[in-house]
C-alpha atoms as a PDB file:
ATOM      1  CA  UNK A   1     -11.526   6.005 -13.873  1.00  0.00           C
ATOM      2  CA  UNK A   2     -14.125   7.105 -11.158  1.00  0.00           C
ATOM      3  CA  UNK A   3     -12.409   9.390  -8.919  1.00  0.00           C
ATOM      4  CA  UNK A   4     -14.531  10.009  -5.721  1.00  0.00           C
ATOM      5  CA  UNK A   5     -12.026  10.566  -3.165  1.00  0.00           C
ATOM      6  CA  UNK A   6     -10.948  13.938  -1.816  1.00  0.00           C
ATOM      7  CA  UNK A   7      -7.413  14.490   0.080  1.00  0.00           C
ATOM      8  CA  UNK A   8      -9.344  14.142   3.435  1.00  0.00           C
ATOM      9  CA  UNK A   9     -10.916  10.875   2.703  1.00  0.00           C
ATOM     10  CA  UNK A  10      -8.880   8.263   3.792  1.00  0.00           C
ATOM     11  CA  UNK A  11     -11.199   5.285   2.981  1.00  0.00           C
ATOM     12  CA  UNK A  12     -12.011   5.706  -0.538  1.00  0.00           C
ATOM     13  CA  UNK A  13     -10.675   5.757  -4.222  1.00  0.00           C
ATOM     14  CA  UNK A  14      -8.724   8.000  -6.084  1.00  0.00           C
ATOM     15  CA  UNK A  15      -6.848   9.222  -8.958  1.00  0.00           C
ATOM     16  CA  UNK A  16      -2.991   8.396  -8.578  1.00  0.00           C
ATOM     17  CA  UNK A  17      -0.718   5.768  -8.152  1.00  0.00           C
ATOM     18  CA  UNK A  18       1.794   3.339  -6.396  1.00  0.00           C
ATOM     19  CA  UNK A  19       1.686   1.206  -2.935  1.00  0.00           C
ATOM     20  CA  UNK A  20       3.513  -0.001   0.069  1.00  0.00           C
ATOM     21  CA  UNK A  21       3.358  -3.251   1.377  1.00  0.00           C
ATOM     22  CA  UNK A  22       4.702  -5.348   4.769  1.00  0.00           C
ATOM     23  CA  UNK A  23       4.682  -8.783   5.849  1.00  0.00           C
ATOM     24  CA  UNK A  24       5.959 -11.019   8.460  1.00  0.00           C
ATOM     25  CA  UNK A  25       7.291 -14.272   9.175  1.00  0.00           C
ATOM     26  CA  UNK A  26       4.790 -14.817  12.048  1.00  0.00           C
ATOM     27  CA  UNK A  27       1.807 -14.060   9.509  1.00  0.00           C
ATOM     28  CA  UNK A  28       3.171 -16.396   6.774  1.00  0.00           C
ATOM     29  CA  UNK A  29       1.401 -19.689   8.319  1.00  0.00           C
ATOM     30  CA  UNK A  30      -1.960 -17.919   8.221  1.00  0.00           C
ATOM     31  CA  UNK A  31      -1.473 -16.374   4.893  1.00  0.00           C
ATOM     32  CA  UNK A  32      -0.095 -19.489   3.470  1.00  0.00           C
ATOM     33  CA  UNK A  33      -3.391 -21.195   3.443  1.00  0.00           C
ATOM     34  CA  UNK A  34      -4.953 -18.534   1.284  1.00  0.00           C
ATOM     35  CA  UNK A  35      -2.410 -19.100  -1.563  1.00  0.00           C
ATOM     36  CA  UNK A  36      -2.041 -21.208  -4.600  1.00  0.00           C
ATOM     37  CA  UNK A  37       1.296 -22.617  -3.298  1.00  0.00           C
ATOM     38  CA  UNK A  38       4.910 -23.183  -4.910  1.00  0.00           C
ATOM     39  CA  UNK A  39       3.656 -24.035  -8.106  1.00  0.00           C
ATOM     40  CA  UNK A  40       2.012 -20.780  -8.670  1.00  0.00           C
ATOM     41  CA  UNK A  41       3.016 -18.975 -12.100  1.00  0.00           C
ATOM     42  CA  UNK A  42       3.157 -15.599 -10.069  1.00  0.00           C
ATOM     43  CA  UNK A  43       6.180 -13.639 -11.497  1.00  0.00           C
ATOM     44  CA  UNK A  44       7.680 -10.284 -12.155  1.00  0.00           C
ATOM     45  CA  UNK A  45       9.036  -7.255 -10.931  1.00  0.00           C
ATOM     46  CA  UNK A  46       7.121  -4.809  -8.797  1.00  0.00           C
ATOM     47  CA  UNK A  47       8.707  -1.243  -8.580  1.00  0.00           C
ATOM     48  CA  UNK A  48       7.905   0.470  -5.029  1.00  0.00           C
ATOM     49  CA  UNK A  49       8.679   4.156  -4.424  1.00  0.00           C
ATOM     50  CA  UNK A  50       7.971   6.173  -1.684  1.00  0.00           C
ATOM     51  CA  UNK A  51       8.583   6.974   2.022  1.00  0.00           C
ATOM     52  CA  UNK A  52      11.739   6.530   3.627  1.00  0.00           C
ATOM     53  CA  UNK A  53       9.972   6.131   6.990  1.00  0.00           C
ATOM     54  CA  UNK A  54       7.666   3.343   5.880  1.00  0.00           C
ATOM     55  CA  UNK A  55      10.565   1.633   3.595  1.00  0.00           C
ATOM     56  CA  UNK A  56      11.047  -1.216   6.417  1.00  0.00           C
ATOM     57  CA  UNK A  57       7.615  -2.363   5.864  1.00  0.00           C
ATOM     58  CA  UNK A  58       7.400  -2.096   2.214  1.00  0.00           C
ATOM     59  CA  UNK A  59      10.698  -4.083   2.270  1.00  0.00           C
ATOM     60  CA  UNK A  60       9.729  -6.760   4.942  1.00  0.00           C
ATOM     61  CA  UNK A  61       6.356  -7.212   2.678  1.00  0.00           C
ATOM     62  CA  UNK A  62       8.798  -7.490  -0.293  1.00  0.00           C
ATOM     63  CA  UNK A  63      10.819  -9.953   0.993  1.00  0.00           C
ATOM     64  CA  UNK A  64       8.388 -12.105   2.334  1.00  0.00           C
ATOM     65  CA  UNK A  65       6.238 -12.074  -0.595  1.00  0.00           C
ATOM     66  CA  UNK A  66       9.431 -13.215  -2.601  1.00  0.00           C
ATOM     67  CA  UNK A  67       9.839 -15.970  -0.332  1.00  0.00           C
ATOM     68  CA  UNK A  68       6.349 -17.070  -1.063  1.00  0.00           C
ATOM     69  CA  UNK A  69       6.620 -16.648  -5.178  1.00  0.00           C
ATOM     70  CA  UNK A  70      10.503 -16.999  -6.154  1.00  0.00           C
ATOM     71  CA  UNK A  71       9.603 -15.595  -9.559  1.00  0.00           C
ATOM     72  CA  UNK A  72       8.781 -12.182  -7.834  1.00  0.00           C
ATOM     73  CA  UNK A  73      10.916  -9.159  -7.104  1.00  0.00           C
ATOM     74  CA  UNK A  74       9.963  -6.205  -5.344  1.00  0.00           C
ATOM     75  CA  UNK A  75      12.341  -3.402  -6.194  1.00  0.00           C
ATOM     76  CA  UNK A  76      11.896  -1.206  -3.027  1.00  0.00           C
ATOM     77  CA  UNK A  77      13.594   2.601  -3.608  1.00  0.00           C
ATOM     78  CA  UNK A  78      13.273   4.445  -0.261  1.00  0.00           C
ATOM     79  CA  UNK A  79      13.610   8.251  -1.915  1.00  0.00           C
ATOM     80  CA  UNK A  80      11.093  10.103   0.272  1.00  0.00           C
ATOM     81  CA  UNK A  81       7.419  10.657   0.203  1.00  0.00           C
ATOM     82  CA  UNK A  82       7.745  13.844  -1.993  1.00  0.00           C
ATOM     83  CA  UNK A  83      10.394  12.325  -4.416  1.00  0.00           C
ATOM     84  CA  UNK A  84       8.364   9.031  -4.439  1.00  0.00           C
ATOM     85  CA  UNK A  85       5.124  10.899  -5.475  1.00  0.00           C
ATOM     86  CA  UNK A  86       7.131  12.511  -8.381  1.00  0.00           C
ATOM     87  CA  UNK A  87       7.955   8.992  -9.566  1.00  0.00           C
ATOM     88  CA  UNK A  88       4.657   7.477  -8.796  1.00  0.00           C
ATOM     89  CA  UNK A  89       2.353  10.576 -10.415  1.00  0.00           C
ATOM     90  CA  UNK A  90       4.588  10.114 -13.761  1.00  0.00           C
ATOM     91  CA  UNK A  91       3.645   6.244 -13.793  1.00  0.00           C
ATOM     92  CA  UNK A  92       7.169   5.021 -13.148  1.00  0.00           C
ATOM     93  CA  UNK A  93       6.237   3.012  -9.983  1.00  0.00           C
ATOM     94  CA  UNK A  94       3.604   0.242  -9.368  1.00  0.00           C
ATOM     95  CA  UNK A  95       3.311   0.982  -5.472  1.00  0.00           C
ATOM     96  CA  UNK A  96       4.036   4.027  -3.393  1.00  0.00           C
ATOM     97  CA  UNK A  97       4.480   4.055   0.426  1.00  0.00           C
ATOM     98  CA  UNK A  98       3.698   7.451   2.008  1.00  0.00           C
ATOM     99  CA  UNK A  99       3.892   8.872   5.363  1.00  0.00           C
ATOM    100  CA  UNK A 100       1.381  11.512   4.767  1.00  0.00           C
ATOM    101  CA  UNK A 101      -1.444  11.764   2.502  1.00  0.00           C
ATOM    102  CA  UNK A 102      -1.108  13.086  -1.376  1.00  0.00           C
ATOM    103  CA  UNK A 103      -1.065  16.942  -1.634  1.00  0.00           C
ATOM    104  CA  UNK A 104      -3.090  19.294  -4.382  1.00  0.00           C
ATOM    105  CA  UNK A 105       0.188  19.284  -6.406  1.00  0.00           C
ATOM    106  CA  UNK A 106       0.788  15.972  -6.298  1.00  0.00           C
ATOM    107  CA  UNK A 107      -2.806  15.087  -7.378  1.00  0.00           C
ATOM    108  CA  UNK A 108      -2.742  17.508 -10.201  1.00  0.00           C
ATOM    109  CA  UNK A 109       0.519  15.932 -11.279  1.00  0.00           C
ATOM    110  CA  UNK A 110      -1.267  12.209 -11.396  1.00  0.00           C
ATOM    111  CA  UNK A 111      -4.021  14.087 -13.044  1.00  0.00           C
ATOM    112  CA  UNK A 112      -1.978  15.284 -16.043  1.00  0.00           C
ATOM    113  CA  UNK A 113      -0.195  11.890 -16.442  1.00  0.00           C
ATOM    114  CA  UNK A 114      -3.694  10.021 -16.293  1.00  0.00           C
ATOM    115  CA  UNK A 115      -2.601   8.034 -13.211  1.00  0.00           C
ATOM    116  CA  UNK A 116      -5.185   6.751 -11.596  1.00  0.00           C
ATOM    117  CA  UNK A 117      -4.787   5.254  -7.982  1.00  0.00           C
ATOM    118  CA  UNK A 118      -6.218   3.705  -4.652  1.00  0.00           C
ATOM    119  CA  UNK A 119      -4.611   3.935  -1.122  1.00  0.00           C
ATOM    120  CA  UNK A 120      -4.591   2.024   2.015  1.00  0.00           C
ATOM    121  CA  UNK A 121      -4.006   2.866   5.636  1.00  0.00           C
ATOM    122  CA  UNK A 122      -1.546   0.443   6.497  1.00  0.00           C
ATOM    123  CA  UNK A 123      -0.564   1.283  10.128  1.00  0.00           C
ATOM    124  CA  UNK A 124       0.420   4.015  12.709  1.00  0.00           C
ATOM    125  CA  UNK A 125       3.557   5.698  13.239  1.00  0.00           C
ATOM    126  CA  UNK A 126       5.385   8.182  15.978  1.00  0.00           C
ATOM    127  CA  UNK A 127       7.537  10.713  15.342  1.00  0.00           C
ATOM    128  CA  UNK A 128      10.172  11.039  18.095  1.00  0.00           C
ATOM    129  CA  UNK A 129      11.685  13.839  19.247  1.00  0.00           C
ATOM    130  CA  UNK A 130      15.031  12.695  20.477  1.00  0.00           C
ATOM    131  CA  UNK A 131      17.759  13.793  22.664  1.00  0.00           C
ATOM    132  CA  UNK A 132      21.220  12.408  23.722  1.00  0.00           C
ATOM    133  CA  UNK A 133      21.041  10.179  26.615  1.00  0.00           C
ATOM    134  CA  UNK A 134      23.608  12.270  28.502  1.00  0.00           C
ATOM    135  CA  UNK A 135      21.118  15.393  28.204  1.00  0.00           C
ATOM    136  CA  UNK A 136      20.084  15.554  31.741  1.00  0.00           C
ATOM    137  CA  UNK A 137      18.256  19.109  31.242  1.00  0.00           C
ATOM    138  CA  UNK A 138      15.492  18.385  29.005  1.00  0.00           C
ATOM    139  CA  UNK A 139      13.101  15.960  30.925  1.00  0.00           C
ATOM    140  CA  UNK A 140       9.512  16.819  28.675  1.00  0.00           C
ATOM    141  CA  UNK A 141       8.879  19.471  25.959  1.00  0.00           C
ATOM    142  CA  UNK A 142       5.902  21.562  25.090  1.00  0.00           C
ATOM    143  CA  UNK A 143       4.259  21.770  21.680  1.00  0.00           C
ATOM    144  CA  UNK A 144       5.083  25.854  22.005  1.00  0.00           C
ATOM    145  CA  UNK A 145       8.669  25.370  22.903  1.00  0.00           C
ATOM    146  CA  UNK A 146       8.893  22.565  19.722  1.00  0.00           C
ATOM    147  CA  UNK A 147       8.039  25.294  17.561  1.00  0.00           C
ATOM    148  CA  UNK A 148      10.243  28.007  19.251  1.00  0.00           C
ATOM    149  CA  UNK A 149      13.079  25.767  18.564  1.00  0.00           C
ATOM    150  CA  UNK A 150      12.226  24.649  14.811  1.00  0.00           C
ATOM    151  CA  UNK A 151      10.010  27.482  13.314  1.00  0.00           C
ATOM    152  CA  UNK A 152      11.619  29.710  10.411  1.00  0.00           C
ATOM    153  CA  UNK A 153      11.585  32.713  12.831  1.00  0.00           C
ATOM    154  CA  UNK A 154      14.217  30.276  15.160  1.00  0.00           C
ATOM    155  CA  UNK A 155      17.024  30.572  12.435  1.00  0.00           C
ATOM    156  CA  UNK A 156      19.892  32.397  14.110  1.00  0.00           C
ATOM    157  CA  UNK A 157      17.458  33.478  17.063  1.00  0.00           C
ATOM    158  CA  UNK A 158      17.087  30.109  19.011  1.00  0.00           C
ATOM    159  CA  UNK A 159      20.541  28.629  18.864  1.00  0.00           C
ATOM    160  CA  UNK A 160      21.317  27.792  22.778  1.00  0.00           C
ATOM    161  CA  UNK A 161      19.555  25.719  24.891  1.00  0.00           C
ATOM    162  CA  UNK A 162      18.681  28.498  27.163  1.00  0.00           C
ATOM    163  CA  UNK A 163      17.035  30.371  24.373  1.00  0.00           C
ATOM    164  CA  UNK A 164      14.397  27.642  25.273  1.00  0.00           C
ATOM    165  CA  UNK A 165      14.157  27.570  28.767  1.00  0.00           C
ATOM    166  CA  UNK A 166      16.325  30.140  30.986  1.00  0.00           C
ATOM    167  CA  UNK A 167      17.595  26.799  33.301  1.00  0.00           C
ATOM    168  CA  UNK A 168      18.689  24.965  30.276  1.00  0.00           C
ATOM    169  CA  UNK A 169      22.335  25.549  29.834  1.00  0.00           C
ATOM    170  CA  UNK A 170      24.173  27.981  27.570  1.00  0.00           C
ATOM    171  CA  UNK A 171      25.318  25.443  24.967  1.00  0.00           C
ATOM    172  CA  UNK A 172      24.561  25.336  21.317  1.00  0.00           C
ATOM    173  CA  UNK A 173      21.876  22.794  19.995  1.00  0.00           C
ATOM    174  CA  UNK A 174      22.916  20.570  17.558  1.00  0.00           C
ATOM    175  CA  UNK A 175      19.629  19.794  15.577  1.00  0.00           C
ATOM    176  CA  UNK A 176      19.052  17.249  13.039  1.00  0.00           C
ATOM    177  CA  UNK A 177      15.835  16.369  11.003  1.00  0.00           C
ATOM    178  CA  UNK A 178      14.575  15.603   7.708  1.00  0.00           C
ATOM    179  CA  UNK A 179      14.729  17.382   4.639  1.00  0.00           C
ATOM    180  CA  UNK A 180      11.724  18.614   2.638  1.00  0.00           C
ATOM    181  CA  UNK A 181      11.302  15.524   0.262  1.00  0.00           C
ATOM    182  CA  UNK A 182      10.104  13.982   3.040  1.00  0.00           C
ATOM    183  CA  UNK A 183       6.256  13.078   4.136  1.00  0.00           C
ATOM    184  CA  UNK A 184       7.718  13.216   7.501  1.00  0.00           C
ATOM    185  CA  UNK A 185       8.784  16.739   7.062  1.00  0.00           C
ATOM    186  CA  UNK A 186       5.785  17.826   5.866  1.00  0.00           C
ATOM    187  CA  UNK A 187       3.853  16.035   8.944  1.00  0.00           C
ATOM    188  CA  UNK A 188       5.908  17.831  11.602  1.00  0.00           C
ATOM    189  CA  UNK A 189       6.063  21.165  10.125  1.00  0.00           C
ATOM    190  CA  UNK A 190       2.423  21.521   9.355  1.00  0.00           C
ATOM    191  CA  UNK A 191       1.550  20.078  12.777  1.00  0.00           C
ATOM    192  CA  UNK A 192       4.248  22.052  14.920  1.00  0.00           C
ATOM    193  CA  UNK A 193       4.551  25.030  13.043  1.00  0.00           C
ATOM    194  CA  UNK A 194       1.623  25.512  11.519  1.00  0.00           C
ATOM    195  CA  UNK A 195       2.274  25.160   7.814  1.00  0.00           C
ATOM    196  CA  UNK A 196       4.136  22.759   5.691  1.00  0.00           C
ATOM    197  CA  UNK A 197       7.615  23.991   4.975  1.00  0.00           C
ATOM    198  CA  UNK A 198       7.805  26.218   7.947  1.00  0.00           C
ATOM    199  CA  UNK A 199      11.263  25.371   9.391  1.00  0.00           C
ATOM    200  CA  UNK A 200      14.485  26.967  10.065  1.00  0.00           C
ATOM    201  CA  UNK A 201      17.274  26.805   7.570  1.00  0.00           C
ATOM    202  CA  UNK A 202      19.970  26.001   9.795  1.00  0.00           C
ATOM    203  CA  UNK A 203      19.448  22.722  10.806  1.00  0.00           C
ATOM    204  CA  UNK A 204      21.291  19.459   9.403  1.00  0.00           C
ATOM    205  CA  UNK A 205      18.984  18.033   6.867  1.00  0.00           C
ATOM    206  CA  UNK A 206      18.957  14.599   5.604  1.00  0.00           C
ATOM    207  CA  UNK A 207      16.517  12.202   3.863  1.00  0.00           C
ATOM    208  CA  UNK A 208      18.046   9.200   6.208  1.00  0.00           C
ATOM    209  CA  UNK A 209      16.434   8.726   9.521  1.00  0.00           C
ATOM    210  CA  UNK A 210      19.015   6.637  10.319  1.00  0.00           C
ATOM    211  CA  UNK A 211      21.209   9.583  10.282  1.00  0.00           C
ATOM    212  CA  UNK A 212      19.471  11.930  12.184  1.00  0.00           C
ATOM    213  CA  UNK A 213      19.547   9.480  14.890  1.00  0.00           C
ATOM    214  CA  UNK A 214      23.116   8.408  14.477  1.00  0.00           C
ATOM    215  CA  UNK A 215      24.092  12.076  14.794  1.00  0.00           C
ATOM    216  CA  UNK A 216      21.833  12.978  17.897  1.00  0.00           C
ATOM    217  CA  UNK A 217      23.307   9.362  19.724  1.00  0.00           C
ATOM    218  CA  UNK A 218      27.058  11.117  18.977  1.00  0.00           C
ATOM    219  CA  UNK A 219      26.588  14.450  20.292  1.00  0.00           C
ATOM    220  CA  UNK A 220      25.289  15.107  24.071  1.00  0.00           C
ATOM    221  CA  UNK A 221      23.897  18.354  22.415  1.00  0.00           C
ATOM    222  CA  UNK A 222      22.253  16.555  19.822  1.00  0.00           C
ATOM    223  CA  UNK A 223      18.459  17.177  19.113  1.00  0.00           C
ATOM    224  CA  UNK A 224      16.193  15.885  16.250  1.00  0.00           C
ATOM    225  CA  UNK A 225      13.113  14.410  15.215  1.00  0.00           C
ATOM    226  CA  UNK A 226      12.165  11.417  12.952  1.00  0.00           C
ATOM    227  CA  UNK A 227      10.283   8.286  12.323  1.00  0.00           C
ATOM    228  CA  UNK A 228       9.843   6.328  15.629  1.00  0.00           C
ATOM    229  CA  UNK A 229      10.923   3.094  13.729  1.00  0.00           C
ATOM    230  CA  UNK A 230      14.811   3.821  13.447  1.00  0.00           C
ATOM    231  CA  UNK A 231      14.843   5.140  16.941  1.00  0.00           C
ATOM    232  CA  UNK A 232      13.735   1.569  18.172  1.00  0.00           C
ATOM    233  CA  UNK A 233      16.505  -0.022  15.848  1.00  0.00           C
ATOM    234  CA  UNK A 234      19.471   1.598  17.856  1.00  0.00           C
ATOM    235  CA  UNK A 235      17.823   3.100  21.429  1.00  0.00           C
ATOM    236  CA  UNK A 236      19.005  -0.126  23.011  1.00  0.00           C
ATOM    237  CA  UNK A 237      22.835   0.081  21.903  1.00  0.00           C
ATOM    238  CA  UNK A 238      23.209   3.610  21.397  1.00  0.00           C
ATOM    239  CA  UNK A 239      22.966   6.893  24.053  1.00  0.00           C
ATOM    240  CA  UNK A 240      19.738   8.249  22.434  1.00  0.00           C
ATOM    241  CA  UNK A 241      16.073   8.435  23.575  1.00  0.00           C
ATOM    242  CA  UNK A 242      12.832   9.863  23.328  1.00  0.00           C
ATOM    243  CA  UNK A 243      11.624  13.195  24.689  1.00  0.00           C
ATOM    244  CA  UNK A 244       8.182  13.071  26.295  1.00  0.00           C
ATOM    245  CA  UNK A 245       6.366  15.568  24.378  1.00  0.00           C
ATOM    246  CA  UNK A 246       3.071  17.826  25.405  1.00  0.00           C
ATOM    247  CA  UNK A 247      -0.068  16.057  23.890  1.00  0.00           C
ATOM    248  CA  UNK A 248      -2.760  18.254  22.355  1.00  0.00           C
ATOM    249  CA  UNK A 249      -5.425  15.765  23.763  1.00  0.00           C
ATOM    250  CA  UNK A 250      -5.249  16.280  27.385  1.00  0.00           C
ATOM    251  CA  UNK A 251      -1.977  18.456  28.072  1.00  0.00           C
ATOM    252  CA  UNK A 252       0.034  15.725  29.671  1.00  0.00           C
ATOM    253  CA  UNK A 253       3.514  14.439  28.518  1.00  0.00           C
ATOM    254  CA  UNK A 254       3.944  11.293  26.775  1.00  0.00           C
ATOM    255  CA  UNK A 255       6.671   9.324  24.986  1.00  0.00           C
ATOM    256  CA  UNK A 256       5.707   7.401  21.844  1.00  0.00           C
ATOM    257  CA  UNK A 257       4.757   3.739  22.971  1.00  0.00           C
ATOM    258  CA  UNK A 258       2.493   1.469  21.590  1.00  0.00           C
ATOM    259  CA  UNK A 259      -0.176   2.032  24.138  1.00  0.00           C
ATOM    260  CA  UNK A 260      -0.071   5.837  23.865  1.00  0.00           C
ATOM    261  CA  UNK A 261      -0.201   5.880  20.047  1.00  0.00           C
ATOM    262  CA  UNK A 262      -2.766   3.241  19.588  1.00  0.00           C
ATOM    263  CA  UNK A 263      -4.986   5.194  22.327  1.00  0.00           C
ATOM    264  CA  UNK A 264      -4.665   8.518  20.860  1.00  0.00           C
ATOM    265  CA  UNK A 265      -2.563   9.785  23.542  1.00  0.00           C
ATOM    266  CA  UNK A 266       1.078  10.729  21.517  1.00  0.00           C
ATOM    267  CA  UNK A 267      -0.888  13.699  19.622  1.00  0.00           C
ATOM    268  CA  UNK A 268      -0.688  15.487  17.603  1.00  0.00           C
ATOM    269  CA  UNK A 269       3.071  13.315  16.770  1.00  0.00           C
ATOM    270  CA  UNK A 270       1.050   9.804  15.591  1.00  0.00           C
ATOM    271  CA  UNK A 271      -0.092   9.739  11.972  1.00  0.00           C
ATOM    272  CA  UNK A 272      -1.501   7.366   9.622  1.00  0.00           C
ATOM    273  CA  UNK A 273       0.696   5.467   7.128  1.00  0.00           C
ATOM    274  CA  UNK A 274      -0.562   4.811   3.531  1.00  0.00           C
ATOM    275  CA  UNK A 275       0.086   2.773   0.632  1.00  0.00           C
ATOM    276  CA  UNK A 276      -0.889   3.720  -2.990  1.00  0.00           C
ATOM    277  CA  UNK A 277      -1.394   1.369  -5.707  1.00  0.00           C
ATOM    278  CA  UNK A 278      -1.160   2.328  -9.494  1.00  0.00           C
ATOM    279  CA  UNK A 279      -4.618   0.992 -10.785  1.00  0.00           C
ATOM    280  CA  UNK A 280      -3.046   1.026 -14.156  1.00  0.00           C
ATOM    281  CA  UNK A 281      -0.298  -1.729 -13.120  1.00  0.00           C
ATOM    282  CA  UNK A 282      -3.343  -3.376 -11.393  1.00  0.00           C
ATOM    283  CA  UNK A 283      -5.199  -3.534 -14.493  1.00  0.00           C
ATOM    284  CA  UNK A 284      -2.227  -4.634 -16.738  1.00  0.00           C
ATOM    285  CA  UNK A 285      -0.856  -7.384 -14.110  1.00  0.00           C
ATOM    286  CA  UNK A 286      -3.779  -7.970 -11.934  1.00  0.00           C
ATOM    287  CA  UNK A 287      -2.466 -11.070 -10.178  1.00  0.00           C
ATOM    288  CA  UNK A 288       0.733  -9.550  -9.597  1.00  0.00           C
ATOM    289  CA  UNK A 289      -0.155  -6.069  -8.036  1.00  0.00           C
ATOM    290  CA  UNK A 290      -3.479  -7.398  -6.633  1.00  0.00           C
ATOM    291  CA  UNK A 291      -2.035 -10.561  -4.714  1.00  0.00           C
ATOM    292  CA  UNK A 292       0.743  -8.143  -3.231  1.00  0.00           C
ATOM    293  CA  UNK A 293      -2.060  -5.736  -1.980  1.00  0.00           C
ATOM    294  CA  UNK A 294      -3.855  -8.634  -0.574  1.00  0.00           C
ATOM    295  CA  UNK A 295      -0.893 -10.585   0.759  1.00  0.00           C
ATOM    296  CA  UNK A 296       0.055  -7.124   2.668  1.00  0.00           C
ATOM    297  CA  UNK A 297      -3.540  -6.377   4.046  1.00  0.00           C
ATOM    298  CA  UNK A 298      -4.030  -9.969   5.309  1.00  0.00           C
ATOM    299  CA  UNK A 299      -1.832  -9.260   7.940  1.00  0.00           C
ATOM    300  CA  UNK A 300      -1.112  -5.324   8.094  1.00  0.00           C
ATOM    301  CA  UNK A 301      -1.430  -5.126  11.747  1.00  0.00           C
ATOM    302  CA  UNK A 302       1.227  -7.757  12.523  1.00  0.00           C
ATOM    303  CA  UNK A 303       3.169  -6.153   9.566  1.00  0.00           C
ATOM    304  CA  UNK A 304       3.463  -3.025  10.878  1.00  0.00           C
ATOM    305  CA  UNK A 305       4.329  -3.855  14.662  1.00  0.00           C
ATOM    306  CA  UNK A 306       7.146  -6.310  13.284  1.00  0.00           C
ATOM    307  CA  UNK A 307       8.705  -3.213  11.959  1.00  0.00           C
ATOM    308  CA  UNK A 308       8.554  -1.013  15.213  1.00  0.00           C
ATOM    309  CA  UNK A 309       4.962   0.608  13.418  1.00  0.00           C
ATOM    310  CA  UNK A 310       1.467   0.301  15.325  1.00  0.00           C
ATOM    311  CA  UNK A 311      -1.687  -1.263  14.122  1.00  0.00           C
ATOM    312  CA  UNK A 312      -4.470   0.330  12.543  1.00  0.00           C
ATOM    313  CA  UNK A 313      -7.465  -0.462  13.882  1.00  0.00           C
ATOM    314  CA  UNK A 314      -9.626  -3.771  13.059  1.00  0.00           C
ATOM    315  CA  UNK A 315     -12.023  -1.834  10.867  1.00  0.00           C
ATOM    316  CA  UNK A 316      -9.521  -0.469   8.665  1.00  0.00           C
ATOM    317  CA  UNK A 317      -8.383  -3.811   7.771  1.00  0.00           C
ATOM    318  CA  UNK A 318     -11.930  -4.397   6.573  1.00  0.00           C
ATOM    319  CA  UNK A 319     -12.097  -1.209   4.617  1.00  0.00           C
ATOM    320  CA  UNK A 320      -8.701  -1.822   2.943  1.00  0.00           C
ATOM    321  CA  UNK A 321     -10.159  -5.315   1.657  1.00  0.00           C
ATOM    322  CA  UNK A 322     -13.088  -3.843   0.251  1.00  0.00           C
ATOM    323  CA  UNK A 323     -11.121  -1.212  -1.451  1.00  0.00           C
ATOM    324  CA  UNK A 324      -9.179  -3.937  -2.898  1.00  0.00           C
ATOM    325  CA  UNK A 325     -12.278  -5.763  -4.055  1.00  0.00           C
ATOM    326  CA  UNK A 326     -13.827  -2.106  -5.656  1.00  0.00           C
ATOM    327  CA  UNK A 327     -10.609  -1.343  -7.563  1.00  0.00           C
ATOM    328  CA  UNK A 328     -10.802  -5.160  -9.255  1.00  0.00           C
ATOM    329  CA  UNK A 329     -13.993  -4.355 -10.147  1.00  0.00           C
ATOM    330  CA  UNK A 330     -13.120  -1.133 -11.738  1.00  0.00           C
ATOM    331  CA  UNK A 331     -10.222  -2.674 -13.819  1.00  0.00           C
ATOM    332  CA  UNK A 332     -12.645  -5.764 -15.062  1.00  0.00           C
ATOM    333  CA  UNK A 333     -11.381  -8.287 -12.793  1.00  0.00           C
ATOM    334  CA  UNK A 334     -12.656  -9.895  -9.504  1.00  0.00           C
ATOM    335  CA  UNK A 335     -11.185 -11.224  -6.008  1.00  0.00           C
ATOM    336  CA  UNK A 336     -11.272 -14.638  -7.290  1.00  0.00           C
ATOM    337  CA  UNK A 337      -8.536 -14.062  -9.899  1.00  0.00           C
ATOM    338  CA  UNK A 338      -5.952 -13.368  -7.289  1.00  0.00           C
ATOM    339  CA  UNK A 339      -3.653 -16.089  -6.307  1.00  0.00           C
ATOM    340  CA  UNK A 340      -3.658 -14.338  -2.825  1.00  0.00           C
ATOM    341  CA  UNK A 341      -7.046 -14.357  -1.013  1.00  0.00           C
ATOM    342  CA  UNK A 342      -8.342 -12.986   1.810  1.00  0.00           C
ATOM    343  CA  UNK A 343      -7.122 -14.508   5.134  1.00  0.00           C
END
C-alpha cells in the first residue's frame, strides 16, 4: 500500500498498524442514529494494544461499542506505547493507542513485517508534574529546574530539594515516573531533557501511572510526572496536586487545565494523542474495524473529555473522517460498507 506520510505529518497515511478508540454515553444518542441498530450482524474481537495513558479512552470506547453491538469484544491491553508498537508492528493487534508519534525504529519494524497502517489524532493530553499536597515549598517550577531534577547527570547529584533551590528543605526527594516502555517517558525526556531516554537512573520507574500518583500522594516528599488523566481520578480524594510549570509559549507558569491545554499555553507538556489502525485488519474485517474507527471519530472530542483528556480542534475531526474514507478506498471498499456512518 502507498506510504505517503512522514513521522512528522500527522494528517496522512503510512505503513504500520493498530488503533485506539474512545466513546461516551453522552454521545451515544447522536451516534445511534448513524448505526444499523440491535439487529446488526457486526461481531468479532478487536485487539487493541498500546499506551497506558490513552487506555482509559480505548477502554471506554470499547465498552460503548460493545453496548451497541453485543457480538463484539474489544480487548484492550495497555502495555505502554513502546511495548504496544512492538506488538502492533508484528501484526499482533488491530488497533494501537499511542501517546507519541511512531519512531524510526518502529517504522522499520512495521516495514519488515509488511504492516501498513493509518493514524488518527484522537485528543490532547497534559503531562502533570505532581507533588504531595503537604509540600508547601514548591509553588512552581521552571523548565530548567525540571531538567536539573530529571536528566541523567542528576543521578546521585540532585537528591535533596535544596539541590534544586537553596531555600527548599534539605530533605531527600522521592521520585516517581514512567518507565522506558512508555510514550509518556519518550515525550517527557525529549521535551524536558533534550533527548529520548535521557533520564536519571535512580528514580522509581513504573509502567502504571496510577502507581506514580499513589506513591506521590502517600509521601510528603514525593515528586513525579505522568499522564494527567490519572491525577484527575484521585486529586479530589488524595493529597496530591499539579505543580505550575513554566511555559515555553510565554514564560508564565501554568497548571494543566482544559483552557490552558486547548489554548496552547501549557507547553511543552501538552501533546496530541494518537490512534493507529492496521490496514490489513481493515481489509480483512472491513465493517468491524472500520465501524469502530468511525464510531470513535464521530464523538472523539466528547470521548477525550469524558476520560479526563482534552479535545482536538474541530478540523482534526474532519481530517480523521477523510482519512478513514481514504483507507477504505485503499482496501477496495467504501464508507457505505460500514454499519456505523458519519454522525
